[in-house]
């Protein structure tokens, strides 16, 4: 299984596999018919309070990941994302943030990989 992270502003590619938008808000300037997404799973995005607190500040990254995982670990949305990842060979998590290193999709990809690995026999 492959899990990738990509800005939604980048063109869709055949290698993206199943494309899931993981932002709570629809990205500016992107038309829904041209987004090339298979699912918009906004419920798996960080809460507005957490997102605003984090503000893509690198020094808050470790604490952000801890708080973010605590928010989503037992939610139906995260369970749904895990199920989608098991159903598809390749999943690409899409996000709109300018910061390509410190964003929720990158954190989420790490959580997802660990969750999937943990459930394998």
N, C-alpha and C. Protein backbone atom coordinates (compact mmCIF):
# COMPACT_ATOMS: atom_id res chain seq x y z
N UNK A 1 0.84 -1.18 0.00
CA UNK A 1 0.00 0.00 0.00
C UNK A 1 0.89 1.24 0.00
N UNK A 2 0.48 2.21 -0.79
CA UNK A 2 1.21 3.47 -0.89
C UNK A 2 0.31 4.61 -0.42
N UNK A 3 0.85 5.45 0.44
CA UNK A 3 0.13 6.64 0.89
C UNK A 3 1.00 7.85 0.56
N UNK A 4 0.45 8.73 -0.25
CA UNK A 4 1.16 9.93 -0.67
C UNK A 4 0.44 11.17 -0.16
N UNK A 5 1.16 12.28 -0.17
CA UNK A 5 0.62 13.57 0.21
C UNK A 5 0.92 14.53 -0.92
N UNK A 6 -0.09 15.36 -1.27
CA UNK A 6 0.08 16.25 -2.42
C UNK A 6 -0.81 17.48 -2.25
N UNK A 7 -0.30 18.62 -2.69
CA UNK A 7 -1.14 19.84 -2.70
C UNK A 7 -2.21 19.68 -3.76
N UNK A 8 -3.41 20.10 -3.45
CA UNK A 8 -4.51 19.98 -4.41
C UNK A 8 -4.28 20.87 -5.63
N UNK A 9 -3.41 21.85 -5.51
CA UNK A 9 -3.12 22.75 -6.61
C UNK A 9 -2.22 22.12 -7.67
N UNK A 10 -1.62 20.97 -7.35
CA UNK A 10 -0.84 20.23 -8.33
C UNK A 10 -1.79 19.41 -9.19
N UNK A 11 -1.42 19.18 -10.44
CA UNK A 11 -2.27 18.41 -11.33
C UNK A 11 -2.40 16.97 -10.84
N UNK A 12 -3.58 16.41 -11.06
CA UNK A 12 -3.80 15.00 -10.76
C UNK A 12 -2.94 14.16 -11.70
N UNK A 13 -2.48 13.03 -11.19
CA UNK A 13 -1.66 12.12 -11.99
C UNK A 13 -2.19 10.70 -11.82
N UNK A 14 -1.96 9.89 -12.82
CA UNK A 14 -2.43 8.50 -12.77
C UNK A 14 -1.88 7.78 -11.54
N UNK A 15 -0.68 8.10 -11.13
CA UNK A 15 -0.05 7.45 -9.98
C UNK A 15 -0.61 7.86 -8.63
N UNK A 16 -1.51 8.85 -8.63
CA UNK A 16 -2.11 9.30 -7.36
C UNK A 16 -3.05 8.27 -6.77
N UNK A 17 -3.59 7.40 -7.57
CA UNK A 17 -4.54 6.42 -7.08
C UNK A 17 -5.81 7.09 -6.58
N UNK A 18 -6.28 6.67 -5.44
CA UNK A 18 -7.51 7.20 -4.83
C UNK A 18 -7.18 8.51 -4.14
N UNK A 19 -7.81 9.60 -4.56
CA UNK A 19 -7.47 10.94 -4.09
C UNK A 19 -8.50 11.42 -3.06
N UNK A 20 -8.00 11.76 -1.86
CA UNK A 20 -8.86 12.18 -0.77
C UNK A 20 -8.45 13.56 -0.29
N UNK A 21 -9.38 14.51 -0.38
CA UNK A 21 -9.15 15.85 0.16
C UNK A 21 -9.37 15.80 1.66
N UNK A 22 -8.36 16.23 2.43
CA UNK A 22 -8.44 16.13 3.90
C UNK A 22 -8.43 17.50 4.56
N UNK A 23 -8.95 18.50 3.88
CA UNK A 23 -9.11 19.84 4.43
C UNK A 23 -10.55 20.03 4.89
N UNK A 24 -10.73 20.79 5.94
CA UNK A 24 -12.08 21.09 6.44
C UNK A 24 -12.79 22.08 5.51
N UNK A 25 -12.02 22.99 4.93
CA UNK A 25 -12.56 24.00 4.02
C UNK A 25 -12.14 23.68 2.58
N UNK A 26 -13.02 23.99 1.64
CA UNK A 26 -12.68 23.77 0.24
C UNK A 26 -11.56 24.75 -0.16
N UNK A 27 -10.52 24.28 -0.83
CA UNK A 27 -9.39 25.14 -1.21
C UNK A 27 -9.81 26.25 -2.19
N UNK A 28 -9.30 27.42 -1.95
CA UNK A 28 -9.61 28.58 -2.81
C UNK A 28 -9.10 28.37 -4.22
N UNK A 29 -9.93 28.81 -5.16
CA UNK A 29 -9.53 28.79 -6.56
C UNK A 29 -9.62 27.45 -7.24
N UNK A 30 -10.09 26.43 -6.56
CA UNK A 30 -10.20 25.09 -7.15
C UNK A 30 -11.67 24.81 -7.45
N UNK A 31 -11.96 24.51 -8.71
CA UNK A 31 -13.33 24.16 -9.09
C UNK A 31 -13.55 22.68 -8.79
N UNK A 32 -14.68 22.37 -8.20
CA UNK A 32 -14.96 20.99 -7.80
C UNK A 32 -14.87 20.02 -8.96
N UNK A 33 -15.35 20.45 -10.13
CA UNK A 33 -15.33 19.54 -11.28
C UNK A 33 -13.92 19.30 -11.81
N UNK A 34 -12.96 20.14 -11.46
CA UNK A 34 -11.59 19.96 -11.93
C UNK A 34 -10.63 19.48 -10.83
N UNK A 35 -11.15 19.27 -9.65
CA UNK A 35 -10.29 18.91 -8.52
C UNK A 35 -9.74 17.49 -8.63
N UNK A 36 -10.45 16.63 -9.30
CA UNK A 36 -9.99 15.26 -9.46
C UNK A 36 -9.93 14.48 -8.16
N UNK A 37 -10.89 14.74 -7.28
CA UNK A 37 -10.89 14.01 -6.01
C UNK A 37 -11.92 12.88 -6.06
N UNK A 38 -11.63 11.83 -5.33
CA UNK A 38 -12.56 10.71 -5.21
C UNK A 38 -13.43 10.87 -3.97
N UNK A 39 -12.90 11.54 -2.95
CA UNK A 39 -13.64 11.73 -1.71
C UNK A 39 -13.14 12.99 -1.02
N UNK A 40 -14.07 13.71 -0.41
CA UNK A 40 -13.72 14.85 0.45
C UNK A 40 -14.08 14.42 1.85
N UNK A 41 -13.07 14.18 2.66
CA UNK A 41 -13.27 13.69 4.02
C UNK A 41 -12.89 14.80 5.00
N UNK A 42 -13.71 15.85 5.04
CA UNK A 42 -13.39 17.03 5.85
C UNK A 42 -13.43 16.75 7.34
N UNK A 43 -14.16 15.71 7.75
CA UNK A 43 -14.26 15.39 9.18
C UNK A 43 -12.96 14.87 9.77
N UNK A 44 -12.00 14.48 8.92
CA UNK A 44 -10.72 13.98 9.40
C UNK A 44 -9.69 15.11 9.54
N UNK A 45 -10.06 16.30 9.13
CA UNK A 45 -9.18 17.48 9.25
C UNK A 45 -9.13 17.94 10.71
N UNK A 46 -8.08 18.66 11.10
CA UNK A 46 -8.02 19.18 12.48
C UNK A 46 -9.16 20.17 12.73
N UNK A 47 -9.55 20.28 13.97
CA UNK A 47 -10.57 21.25 14.33
C UNK A 47 -10.08 22.66 13.98
N UNK A 48 -11.02 23.56 13.84
CA UNK A 48 -10.67 24.95 13.54
C UNK A 48 -9.76 25.52 14.62
N UNK A 49 -10.08 25.24 15.89
CA UNK A 49 -9.25 25.75 16.99
C UNK A 49 -7.81 25.24 16.90
N UNK A 50 -7.65 23.95 16.62
CA UNK A 50 -6.31 23.38 16.52
C UNK A 50 -5.58 23.94 15.30
N UNK A 51 -6.25 24.02 14.20
CA UNK A 51 -5.63 24.55 12.97
C UNK A 51 -5.16 25.99 13.18
N UNK A 52 -6.00 26.81 13.80
CA UNK A 52 -5.62 28.20 14.03
C UNK A 52 -4.49 28.31 15.06
N UNK A 53 -4.51 27.46 16.09
CA UNK A 53 -3.43 27.48 17.08
C UNK A 53 -2.09 27.12 16.42
N UNK A 54 -2.10 26.07 15.60
CA UNK A 54 -0.88 25.59 14.96
C UNK A 54 -0.32 26.62 13.98
N UNK A 55 -1.14 27.11 13.07
CA UNK A 55 -0.76 28.15 12.12
C UNK A 55 0.51 27.81 11.33
N UNK A 56 0.76 26.52 11.12
CA UNK A 56 1.91 26.03 10.36
C UNK A 56 3.25 26.51 10.93
N UNK A 57 3.32 26.65 12.24
CA UNK A 57 4.55 27.08 12.90
C UNK A 57 5.37 25.83 13.25
N UNK A 58 6.55 25.74 12.66
CA UNK A 58 7.38 24.54 12.80
C UNK A 58 7.66 24.17 14.25
N UNK A 59 7.83 25.17 15.11
CA UNK A 59 8.13 24.86 16.51
C UNK A 59 6.95 24.22 17.25
N UNK A 60 5.76 24.28 16.68
CA UNK A 60 4.57 23.67 17.27
C UNK A 60 4.25 22.30 16.66
N UNK A 61 5.04 21.86 15.70
CA UNK A 61 4.74 20.67 14.92
C UNK A 61 4.54 19.43 15.80
N UNK A 62 5.44 19.16 16.69
CA UNK A 62 5.34 17.95 17.52
C UNK A 62 4.06 17.99 18.37
N UNK A 63 3.78 19.10 19.00
CA UNK A 63 2.58 19.23 19.83
C UNK A 63 1.32 19.19 18.95
N UNK A 64 1.38 19.77 17.77
CA UNK A 64 0.25 19.72 16.85
C UNK A 64 -0.10 18.27 16.52
N UNK A 65 0.91 17.47 16.18
CA UNK A 65 0.65 16.08 15.83
C UNK A 65 0.02 15.32 17.01
N UNK A 66 0.50 15.59 18.21
CA UNK A 66 -0.06 14.93 19.39
C UNK A 66 -1.52 15.31 19.58
N UNK A 67 -1.82 16.59 19.49
CA UNK A 67 -3.20 17.06 19.67
C UNK A 67 -4.10 16.58 18.53
N UNK A 68 -3.58 16.62 17.33
CA UNK A 68 -4.36 16.21 16.16
C UNK A 68 -4.73 14.73 16.25
N UNK A 69 -3.76 13.90 16.58
CA UNK A 69 -4.05 12.47 16.69
C UNK A 69 -5.08 12.22 17.79
N UNK A 70 -4.97 12.93 18.90
CA UNK A 70 -5.94 12.78 19.98
C UNK A 70 -7.35 13.14 19.51
N UNK A 71 -7.44 14.13 18.63
CA UNK A 71 -8.75 14.54 18.10
C UNK A 71 -9.40 13.49 17.21
N UNK A 72 -8.60 12.82 16.39
CA UNK A 72 -9.19 11.97 15.35
C UNK A 72 -9.08 10.47 15.58
N UNK A 73 -8.25 10.03 16.51
CA UNK A 73 -7.92 8.60 16.59
C UNK A 73 -9.13 7.67 16.72
N UNK A 74 -10.17 8.09 17.39
CA UNK A 74 -11.33 7.21 17.59
C UNK A 74 -12.57 7.69 16.83
N UNK A 75 -12.37 8.48 15.79
CA UNK A 75 -13.51 9.03 15.07
C UNK A 75 -13.92 8.14 13.90
N UNK A 76 -15.19 8.18 13.54
CA UNK A 76 -15.63 7.44 12.35
C UNK A 76 -14.91 7.90 11.08
N UNK A 77 -14.55 9.17 10.99
CA UNK A 77 -13.86 9.68 9.80
C UNK A 77 -12.49 9.03 9.63
N UNK A 78 -11.75 8.87 10.72
CA UNK A 78 -10.43 8.24 10.63
C UNK A 78 -10.60 6.75 10.31
N UNK A 79 -11.61 6.12 10.86
CA UNK A 79 -11.89 4.72 10.54
C UNK A 79 -12.24 4.58 9.05
N UNK A 80 -13.01 5.54 8.54
CA UNK A 80 -13.38 5.52 7.12
C UNK A 80 -12.14 5.67 6.24
N UNK A 81 -11.24 6.56 6.63
CA UNK A 81 -10.01 6.76 5.87
C UNK A 81 -9.16 5.49 5.88
N UNK A 82 -9.08 4.83 7.03
CA UNK A 82 -8.34 3.57 7.10
C UNK A 82 -8.95 2.52 6.17
N UNK A 83 -10.26 2.45 6.15
CA UNK A 83 -10.95 1.50 5.28
C UNK A 83 -10.66 1.79 3.81
N UNK A 84 -10.67 3.07 3.44
CA UNK A 84 -10.36 3.45 2.05
C UNK A 84 -8.92 3.08 1.71
N UNK A 85 -8.01 3.28 2.64
CA UNK A 85 -6.61 2.95 2.40
C UNK A 85 -6.43 1.44 2.22
N UNK A 86 -7.21 0.65 2.90
CA UNK A 86 -7.12 -0.80 2.74
C UNK A 86 -7.71 -1.26 1.40
N UNK A 87 -8.70 -0.52 0.91
CA UNK A 87 -9.38 -0.89 -0.35
C UNK A 87 -8.58 -0.52 -1.60
N UNK A 88 -7.68 0.43 -1.47
CA UNK A 88 -6.96 0.94 -2.64
C UNK A 88 -5.45 0.73 -2.48
N UNK A 89 -4.80 0.39 -3.56
CA UNK A 89 -3.35 0.16 -3.55
C UNK A 89 -2.61 1.46 -3.25
N UNK A 90 -3.11 2.56 -3.80
CA UNK A 90 -2.47 3.87 -3.61
C UNK A 90 -3.52 4.89 -3.21
N UNK A 91 -3.20 5.64 -2.17
CA UNK A 91 -4.07 6.72 -1.70
C UNK A 91 -3.23 7.98 -1.61
N UNK A 92 -3.76 9.08 -2.14
CA UNK A 92 -3.09 10.37 -2.04
C UNK A 92 -3.96 11.30 -1.22
N UNK A 93 -3.39 11.81 -0.14
CA UNK A 93 -4.08 12.77 0.72
C UNK A 93 -3.80 14.17 0.19
N UNK A 94 -4.85 14.89 -0.12
CA UNK A 94 -4.73 16.22 -0.72
C UNK A 94 -5.01 17.30 0.31
N UNK A 95 -4.26 18.39 0.21
CA UNK A 95 -4.42 19.52 1.13
C UNK A 95 -4.17 20.81 0.37
N UNK A 96 -4.61 21.92 0.94
CA UNK A 96 -4.47 23.20 0.27
C UNK A 96 -3.39 24.12 0.83
N UNK A 97 -2.84 23.82 1.99
CA UNK A 97 -1.86 24.70 2.64
C UNK A 97 -0.64 24.93 1.76
N UNK A 98 -0.04 26.10 1.90
CA UNK A 98 1.19 26.42 1.16
C UNK A 98 2.39 25.66 1.72
N UNK A 99 2.38 25.41 3.02
CA UNK A 99 3.50 24.73 3.67
C UNK A 99 3.46 23.25 3.33
N UNK A 100 4.46 22.79 2.60
CA UNK A 100 4.49 21.40 2.15
C UNK A 100 5.07 20.44 3.17
N UNK A 101 5.65 20.95 4.23
CA UNK A 101 6.26 20.08 5.24
C UNK A 101 5.41 19.98 6.50
N UNK A 102 4.91 21.11 6.98
CA UNK A 102 4.16 21.15 8.23
C UNK A 102 2.69 21.41 7.94
N UNK A 103 1.98 20.33 7.64
CA UNK A 103 0.55 20.43 7.34
C UNK A 103 -0.16 19.18 7.82
N UNK A 104 -1.47 19.26 7.94
CA UNK A 104 -2.22 18.15 8.50
C UNK A 104 -2.17 16.89 7.64
N UNK A 105 -2.05 17.02 6.33
CA UNK A 105 -2.01 15.84 5.48
C UNK A 105 -0.74 15.02 5.73
N UNK A 106 0.36 15.70 5.95
CA UNK A 106 1.61 15.01 6.26
C UNK A 106 1.49 14.25 7.59
N UNK A 107 0.93 14.92 8.59
CA UNK A 107 0.71 14.27 9.89
C UNK A 107 -0.25 13.10 9.72
N UNK A 108 -1.33 13.31 9.00
CA UNK A 108 -2.35 12.29 8.80
C UNK A 108 -1.79 11.07 8.08
N UNK A 109 -0.93 11.28 7.11
CA UNK A 109 -0.31 10.16 6.40
C UNK A 109 0.48 9.29 7.37
N UNK A 110 1.20 9.92 8.29
CA UNK A 110 1.94 9.17 9.30
C UNK A 110 1.01 8.38 10.21
N UNK A 111 -0.06 9.01 10.65
CA UNK A 111 -1.04 8.31 11.51
C UNK A 111 -1.63 7.12 10.77
N UNK A 112 -1.97 7.34 9.52
CA UNK A 112 -2.62 6.32 8.71
C UNK A 112 -1.71 5.12 8.48
N UNK A 113 -0.46 5.39 8.16
CA UNK A 113 0.50 4.31 7.95
C UNK A 113 0.66 3.46 9.21
N UNK A 114 0.76 4.12 10.35
CA UNK A 114 0.88 3.39 11.62
C UNK A 114 -0.37 2.58 11.94
N UNK A 115 -1.54 3.18 11.72
CA UNK A 115 -2.79 2.48 12.01
C UNK A 115 -2.98 1.25 11.12
N UNK A 116 -2.65 1.38 9.84
CA UNK A 116 -2.78 0.26 8.91
C UNK A 116 -1.79 -0.83 9.26
N UNK A 117 -0.56 -0.44 9.55
CA UNK A 117 0.48 -1.41 9.89
C UNK A 117 0.12 -2.17 11.15
N UNK A 118 -0.44 -1.47 12.14
CA UNK A 118 -0.80 -2.07 13.41
C UNK A 118 -1.87 -3.14 13.26
N UNK A 119 -2.75 -2.97 12.29
CA UNK A 119 -3.88 -3.90 12.13
C UNK A 119 -3.57 -5.08 11.21
N UNK A 120 -2.38 -5.10 10.63
CA UNK A 120 -2.02 -6.25 9.81
C UNK A 120 -1.70 -7.43 10.72
N UNK A 121 -2.04 -8.66 10.30
CA UNK A 121 -1.76 -9.84 11.14
C UNK A 121 -0.28 -10.11 11.29
